[in-house]
N, C-alpha and C. Protein backbone atom coordinates (compact mmCIF):
# COMPACT_ATOMS: atom_id res chain seq x y z
N UNK A 1 -66.33 -156.59 143.33
CA UNK A 1 -64.39 -156.46 144.59
C UNK A 1 -65.68 -156.10 146.15
N UNK A 2 -65.20 -157.21 146.84
CA UNK A 2 -65.37 -157.16 147.68
C UNK A 2 -64.25 -157.14 148.66
N UNK A 3 -64.18 -155.78 149.82
CA UNK A 3 -63.28 -156.02 150.57
C UNK A 3 -63.59 -156.35 152.11
N UNK A 4 -62.82 -157.27 152.67
CA UNK A 4 -62.94 -158.15 153.78
C UNK A 4 -61.62 -157.81 154.61
N UNK A 5 -61.84 -157.35 156.12
CA UNK A 5 -60.83 -157.38 156.94
C UNK A 5 -60.88 -157.70 158.37
N UNK A 6 -60.13 -158.53 159.25
CA UNK A 6 -59.93 -158.68 160.23
C UNK A 6 -59.04 -158.08 161.14
N UNK A 7 -58.90 -158.45 162.16
CA UNK A 7 -58.54 -157.52 163.53
C UNK A 7 -57.84 -157.91 164.60
N UNK A 8 -57.19 -157.81 165.35
CA UNK A 8 -56.99 -158.44 166.11
C UNK A 8 -55.76 -157.17 167.49
N UNK A 9 -56.35 -157.93 168.72
CA UNK A 9 -55.84 -156.87 169.96
C UNK A 9 -56.88 -156.11 169.80
N UNK A 10 -55.61 -155.04 171.53
CA UNK A 10 -57.10 -154.70 171.93
C UNK A 10 -55.36 -152.90 172.49
N UNK A 11 -56.85 -152.09 172.64
CA UNK A 11 -55.52 -151.50 172.79
C UNK A 11 -54.66 -151.04 174.03
N UNK A 12 -55.30 -152.03 174.50
CA UNK A 12 -53.95 -151.48 175.92
C UNK A 12 -52.99 -152.73 175.95
N UNK A 13 -52.80 -153.77 174.15
CA UNK A 13 -52.30 -154.27 174.35
C UNK A 13 -51.25 -154.71 173.72
N UNK A 14 -50.56 -155.02 173.99
CA UNK A 14 -48.64 -155.02 173.07
C UNK A 14 -49.28 -154.40 171.37
N UNK A 15 -49.86 -154.57 170.22
CA UNK A 15 -49.94 -154.20 169.46
C UNK A 15 -51.03 -154.84 169.45
N UNK A 16 -51.99 -153.69 167.52
CA UNK A 16 -53.25 -154.08 167.09
C UNK A 16 -52.81 -154.42 165.05
N UNK A 17 -53.45 -155.57 165.62
CA UNK A 17 -53.32 -155.99 163.95
C UNK A 17 -54.18 -156.47 163.47
N UNK A 18 -54.06 -156.22 162.37
CA UNK A 18 -55.27 -155.89 160.89
C UNK A 18 -54.62 -156.44 159.54
N UNK A 19 -56.10 -157.44 158.76
CA UNK A 19 -55.64 -158.33 158.05
C UNK A 19 -56.76 -157.57 156.47
N UNK A 20 -56.69 -156.87 155.76
CA UNK A 20 -56.82 -156.51 154.61
C UNK A 20 -57.16 -157.33 153.07
N UNK A 21 -57.96 -157.91 153.15
CA UNK A 21 -58.29 -158.71 151.32
C UNK A 21 -58.95 -157.63 150.46
N UNK A 22 -58.67 -158.02 149.54
CA UNK A 22 -59.28 -157.18 148.28
C UNK A 22 -59.30 -156.47 148.09
N UNK A 23 -58.16 -155.57 148.32
CA UNK A 23 -57.28 -154.72 147.27
C UNK A 23 -56.70 -154.74 146.13
N UNK A 24 -56.79 -154.29 145.28
CA UNK A 24 -56.77 -154.24 143.91
C UNK A 24 -54.82 -154.50 143.81
N UNK A 25 -54.47 -154.89 142.60
CA UNK A 25 -52.93 -154.74 142.78
C UNK A 25 -53.00 -152.91 142.29
N UNK A 26 -52.12 -152.45 142.78
CA UNK A 26 -51.07 -150.81 142.08
C UNK A 26 -52.28 -149.78 142.81
N UNK A 27 -52.96 -150.39 143.59
CA UNK A 27 -53.80 -149.35 144.46
C UNK A 27 -52.65 -148.80 145.94
N UNK A 28 -52.80 -146.98 146.01
CA UNK A 28 -51.82 -146.93 146.53
C UNK A 28 -52.16 -146.44 148.30
N UNK A 29 -51.39 -147.78 149.09
CA UNK A 29 -51.19 -147.50 150.17
C UNK A 29 -49.67 -146.88 150.78
N UNK A 30 -50.25 -145.66 151.42
CA UNK A 30 -48.63 -144.99 152.70
C UNK A 30 -49.11 -145.05 153.27
N UNK A 31 -48.19 -145.70 153.73
CA UNK A 31 -47.96 -145.39 155.75
C UNK A 31 -47.48 -144.00 155.97
N UNK A 32 -47.27 -142.75 155.42
CA UNK A 32 -47.59 -141.36 155.23
C UNK A 32 -48.79 -141.03 156.31
N UNK A 33 -49.08 -141.95 154.79
CA UNK A 33 -50.92 -141.60 154.81
C UNK A 33 -52.09 -142.07 156.01
N UNK A 34 -51.44 -142.92 155.94
CA UNK A 34 -52.18 -143.69 157.46
C UNK A 34 -52.08 -143.78 158.46
N UNK A 35 -50.27 -143.09 158.49
CA UNK A 35 -49.84 -142.58 159.89
C UNK A 35 -50.36 -140.82 160.50
N UNK A 36 -50.32 -140.49 159.10
CA UNK A 36 -51.08 -138.47 159.29
C UNK A 36 -52.64 -138.96 159.81
N UNK A 37 -53.47 -139.98 159.69
CA UNK A 37 -54.46 -140.44 160.19
C UNK A 37 -54.95 -140.91 162.06
N UNK A 38 -53.91 -142.15 161.44
CA UNK A 38 -53.49 -142.17 162.79
C UNK A 38 -53.96 -141.18 164.31
N UNK A 39 -52.14 -139.73 163.51
CA UNK A 39 -52.32 -138.59 164.26
C UNK A 39 -53.87 -137.88 164.44
N UNK A 40 -54.60 -137.22 163.37
CA UNK A 40 -55.58 -136.98 163.40
C UNK A 40 -56.15 -138.07 164.18
N UNK A 41 -57.07 -138.92 164.56
CA UNK A 41 -58.09 -139.78 165.49
C UNK A 41 -57.28 -139.21 167.08
N UNK A 42 -56.06 -139.59 166.77
CA UNK A 42 -56.36 -138.97 168.19
C UNK A 42 -55.87 -138.11 169.36
N UNK A 43 -56.42 -136.49 168.34
CA UNK A 43 -56.42 -135.55 168.49
C UNK A 43 -57.89 -135.62 168.55
N UNK A 44 -59.36 -136.56 167.78
CA UNK A 44 -60.28 -135.29 168.04
C UNK A 44 -60.62 -135.47 169.25
N UNK A 45 -62.15 -135.21 168.85
CA UNK A 45 -62.99 -135.55 169.94
C UNK A 45 -63.59 -136.74 171.43
N UNK A 46 -63.27 -136.07 172.28
CA UNK A 46 -63.51 -137.86 172.70
C UNK A 46 -61.78 -138.34 173.62
N UNK A 47 -60.57 -138.27 172.97
CA UNK A 47 -59.68 -138.62 173.49
C UNK A 47 -59.21 -137.80 174.62
N UNK A 48 -58.54 -139.29 175.31
CA UNK A 48 -57.86 -139.18 176.47
C UNK A 48 -56.30 -138.21 176.54
N UNK A 49 -56.08 -137.98 178.05
CA UNK A 49 -54.95 -137.68 177.36
C UNK A 49 -54.25 -137.95 177.98
N UNK A 50 -53.86 -139.50 177.99
CA UNK A 50 -53.22 -140.98 177.06
C UNK A 50 -52.51 -140.96 175.92
N UNK A 51 -53.55 -139.60 175.24
CA UNK A 51 -53.24 -139.69 173.52
C UNK A 51 -52.95 -138.98 173.25
N UNK A 52 -52.41 -137.69 173.95
CA UNK A 52 -51.33 -136.96 174.36
C UNK A 52 -50.52 -137.39 173.97
N UNK A 53 -49.72 -138.04 174.59
CA UNK A 53 -48.29 -138.50 174.35
C UNK A 53 -47.95 -139.62 174.00
N UNK A 54 -48.50 -140.40 174.15
CA UNK A 54 -49.01 -141.95 172.81
C UNK A 54 -49.29 -141.54 170.63
N UNK A 55 -48.20 -142.30 169.81
CA UNK A 55 -47.76 -141.29 169.15
C UNK A 55 -47.50 -143.44 168.69
N UNK A 56 -48.36 -143.28 167.94
CA UNK A 56 -48.56 -144.61 166.87
C UNK A 56 -48.69 -144.49 165.37
N UNK A 57 -47.37 -145.27 165.27
CA UNK A 57 -46.90 -145.65 163.92
C UNK A 57 -47.48 -146.97 163.37
N UNK A 58 -47.83 -147.24 161.91
CA UNK A 58 -48.06 -148.53 161.71
C UNK A 58 -47.40 -148.52 160.68
N UNK A 59 -46.87 -149.84 161.06
CA UNK A 59 -45.69 -150.70 160.26
C UNK A 59 -46.59 -152.19 158.98
N UNK A 60 -46.30 -151.58 157.45
CA UNK A 60 -46.91 -152.87 156.78
C UNK A 60 -45.80 -153.62 156.74
N UNK A 61 -46.51 -154.83 157.20
CA UNK A 61 -45.69 -155.73 157.00
C UNK A 61 -45.71 -157.29 155.29
N UNK A 62 -46.78 -156.49 154.75
CA UNK A 62 -47.00 -157.44 154.20
C UNK A 62 -48.25 -156.68 152.40
N UNK A 63 -48.20 -157.14 151.44
CA UNK A 63 -49.43 -156.82 150.56
C UNK A 63 -48.87 -155.08 149.76
N UNK A 64 -47.44 -154.96 150.14
CA UNK A 64 -46.94 -153.45 149.42
C UNK A 64 -46.17 -153.19 149.11
N UNK A 65 -45.64 -153.17 147.96
CA UNK A 65 -43.83 -152.92 147.61
C UNK A 65 -44.17 -151.86 147.51
N UNK A 66 -43.46 -150.98 147.36
CA UNK A 66 -43.09 -149.42 146.96
C UNK A 66 -44.29 -148.26 146.79
N UNK A 67 -45.65 -148.41 147.66
CA UNK A 67 -46.44 -147.39 148.25
C UNK A 67 -47.60 -148.23 147.26
N UNK A 68 -47.77 -148.66 146.86
CA UNK A 68 -48.37 -149.82 145.77
C UNK A 68 -49.13 -151.48 146.38
N UNK A 69 -50.19 -151.97 145.96
CA UNK A 69 -50.83 -152.54 146.79
C UNK A 69 -50.37 -153.94 145.90
N UNK A 70 -50.33 -155.54 145.97
CA UNK A 70 -49.22 -156.27 145.27
C UNK A 70 -50.89 -156.93 144.27
N UNK A 71 -51.63 -156.90 145.28
CA UNK A 71 -53.09 -157.57 145.06
C UNK A 71 -53.65 -158.77 146.02
N UNK A 72 -52.61 -159.00 146.92
CA UNK A 72 -52.80 -160.08 148.02
C UNK A 72 -52.83 -159.27 149.02
N UNK A 73 -53.35 -160.17 150.86
CA UNK A 73 -53.63 -159.39 151.31
C UNK A 73 -52.91 -158.90 152.36
N UNK A 74 -52.78 -157.77 152.55
CA UNK A 74 -52.19 -156.31 153.43
C UNK A 74 -52.13 -156.71 154.75
N UNK A 75 -51.62 -156.82 155.58
CA UNK A 75 -51.68 -157.55 157.08
C UNK A 75 -50.19 -156.11 157.43
N UNK A 76 -50.73 -155.54 158.61
CA UNK A 76 -50.56 -154.01 159.08
C UNK A 76 -51.00 -153.94 160.27
N UNK A 77 -49.94 -153.34 161.60
CA UNK A 77 -49.24 -153.59 162.53
C UNK A 77 -49.53 -152.31 163.26
N UNK A 78 -50.28 -152.54 164.29
CA UNK A 78 -49.83 -150.90 165.20
C UNK A 78 -50.00 -151.02 166.83
N UNK A 79 -48.30 -151.17 166.82
CA UNK A 79 -47.28 -151.30 168.09
C UNK A 79 -47.69 -150.15 168.81
N UNK A 80 -48.74 -150.85 170.38
CA UNK A 80 -47.97 -149.67 171.52
C UNK A 80 -46.99 -149.89 172.38
N UNK A 81 -46.18 -148.91 171.98
CA UNK A 81 -44.73 -148.38 172.29
C UNK A 81 -44.77 -148.25 173.80
N UNK A 82 -46.21 -147.89 174.72
CA UNK A 82 -46.58 -147.39 176.28
C UNK A 82 -46.77 -149.62 176.68
N UNK A 83 -46.59 -150.28 176.04
CA UNK A 83 -47.03 -151.33 176.35
C UNK A 83 -46.00 -151.81 178.03
N UNK A 84 -45.22 -152.01 177.26
CA UNK A 84 -43.93 -152.70 178.27
C UNK A 84 -43.57 -152.04 179.34
N UNK A 85 -43.79 -150.99 178.99
CA UNK A 85 -43.60 -150.78 180.36
C UNK A 85 -44.82 -149.79 181.23
N UNK A 86 -45.51 -149.61 180.57
CA UNK A 86 -47.54 -150.26 181.76
C UNK A 86 -47.58 -151.31 182.66
N UNK A 87 -46.79 -152.45 181.16
CA UNK A 87 -47.75 -153.50 181.16
C UNK A 87 -45.94 -154.58 183.02
N UNK A 88 -45.29 -153.06 183.50
CA UNK A 88 -44.03 -153.55 184.02
C UNK A 88 -44.50 -153.18 185.30
N UNK A 89 -44.87 -151.73 185.57
CA UNK A 89 -45.54 -150.92 186.26
C UNK A 89 -46.99 -152.55 186.78
N UNK A 90 -47.65 -153.04 185.31
CA UNK A 90 -48.97 -153.63 186.82
C UNK A 90 -48.55 -154.79 187.45
N UNK A 91 -47.19 -155.37 187.36
CA UNK A 91 -46.88 -156.33 187.01
C UNK A 91 -44.96 -156.42 188.55
N UNK A 92 -45.42 -155.92 188.92
CA UNK A 92 -44.45 -155.81 189.81
C UNK A 92 -45.01 -156.13 191.03
N UNK A 93 -44.00 -156.57 191.97
CA UNK A 93 -44.61 -156.94 193.24
C UNK A 93 -43.89 -155.63 194.10
N UNK A 94 -45.10 -155.72 195.26
CA UNK A 94 -45.35 -154.59 196.08
C UNK A 94 -45.12 -155.27 197.79
N UNK A 95 -44.33 -155.33 198.69
CA UNK A 95 -43.77 -155.32 199.84
C UNK A 95 -44.34 -154.25 200.46
N UNK A 96 -44.36 -154.82 201.89
CA UNK A 96 -44.63 -154.15 202.92
C UNK A 96 -43.62 -154.39 204.05
N UNK A 97 -42.71 -153.47 204.24
CA UNK A 97 -42.05 -153.97 205.74
C UNK A 97 -43.13 -153.56 206.91
N UNK A 98 -43.67 -153.37 207.72
CA UNK A 98 -44.22 -153.71 208.70
C UNK A 98 -45.17 -155.56 208.88
N UNK A 99 -45.76 -155.34 207.23
CA UNK A 99 -46.33 -156.48 207.82
C UNK A 99 -45.59 -158.06 207.19
N UNK A 100 -44.19 -157.58 206.50
CA UNK A 100 -43.21 -158.36 205.83
C UNK A 100 -44.08 -159.40 204.82
N UNK A 101 -45.34 -158.97 204.37
CA UNK A 101 -46.16 -159.07 202.75
C UNK A 101 -45.29 -159.09 201.26
N UNK A 102 -45.71 -159.52 200.66
CA UNK A 102 -45.43 -158.98 200.25
C UNK A 102 -46.62 -159.89 198.77
N UNK A 103 -47.06 -158.59 197.29
CA UNK A 103 -47.85 -159.18 197.02
C UNK A 103 -47.81 -158.88 195.48
N UNK A 104 -47.95 -159.67 194.65
CA UNK A 104 -47.75 -159.30 192.77
C UNK A 104 -48.92 -158.67 192.11
N UNK A 105 -49.40 -157.65 191.80
CA UNK A 105 -50.15 -157.79 190.78
C UNK A 105 -50.28 -155.52 190.39
N UNK A 106 -51.20 -155.57 190.91
CA UNK A 106 -51.92 -153.67 190.14
C UNK A 106 -51.14 -152.56 190.67
N UNK A 107 -50.58 -151.03 191.23
CA UNK A 107 -50.27 -150.80 191.43
C UNK A 107 -50.56 -150.03 192.44
N UNK A 108 -52.45 -150.26 191.56
CA UNK A 108 -53.03 -149.01 192.71
C UNK A 108 -54.13 -149.65 192.73
């Protein structure tokens, strides 16, 4: 049996998505286990300061019922809870009262 996966998204985007095919039915897939694995990853060597405040959490949207795989493709998402807050900061308008000009863009 061959396991295939497809991922989409970026670490600083709104979410990461994965589709996993080839997992047999009745294979244990635990949200709790995946969340614990993500937490271990956040604390590993090379993680930056943001990793200490971000709390990744997986959402299993299909292919798993009662912690057991159905045999069909498994779809999971990891939502970046900080993305909307960061996006608002990136896209806000900055005005200079002396020059009476405004610009839209990054704050740094």
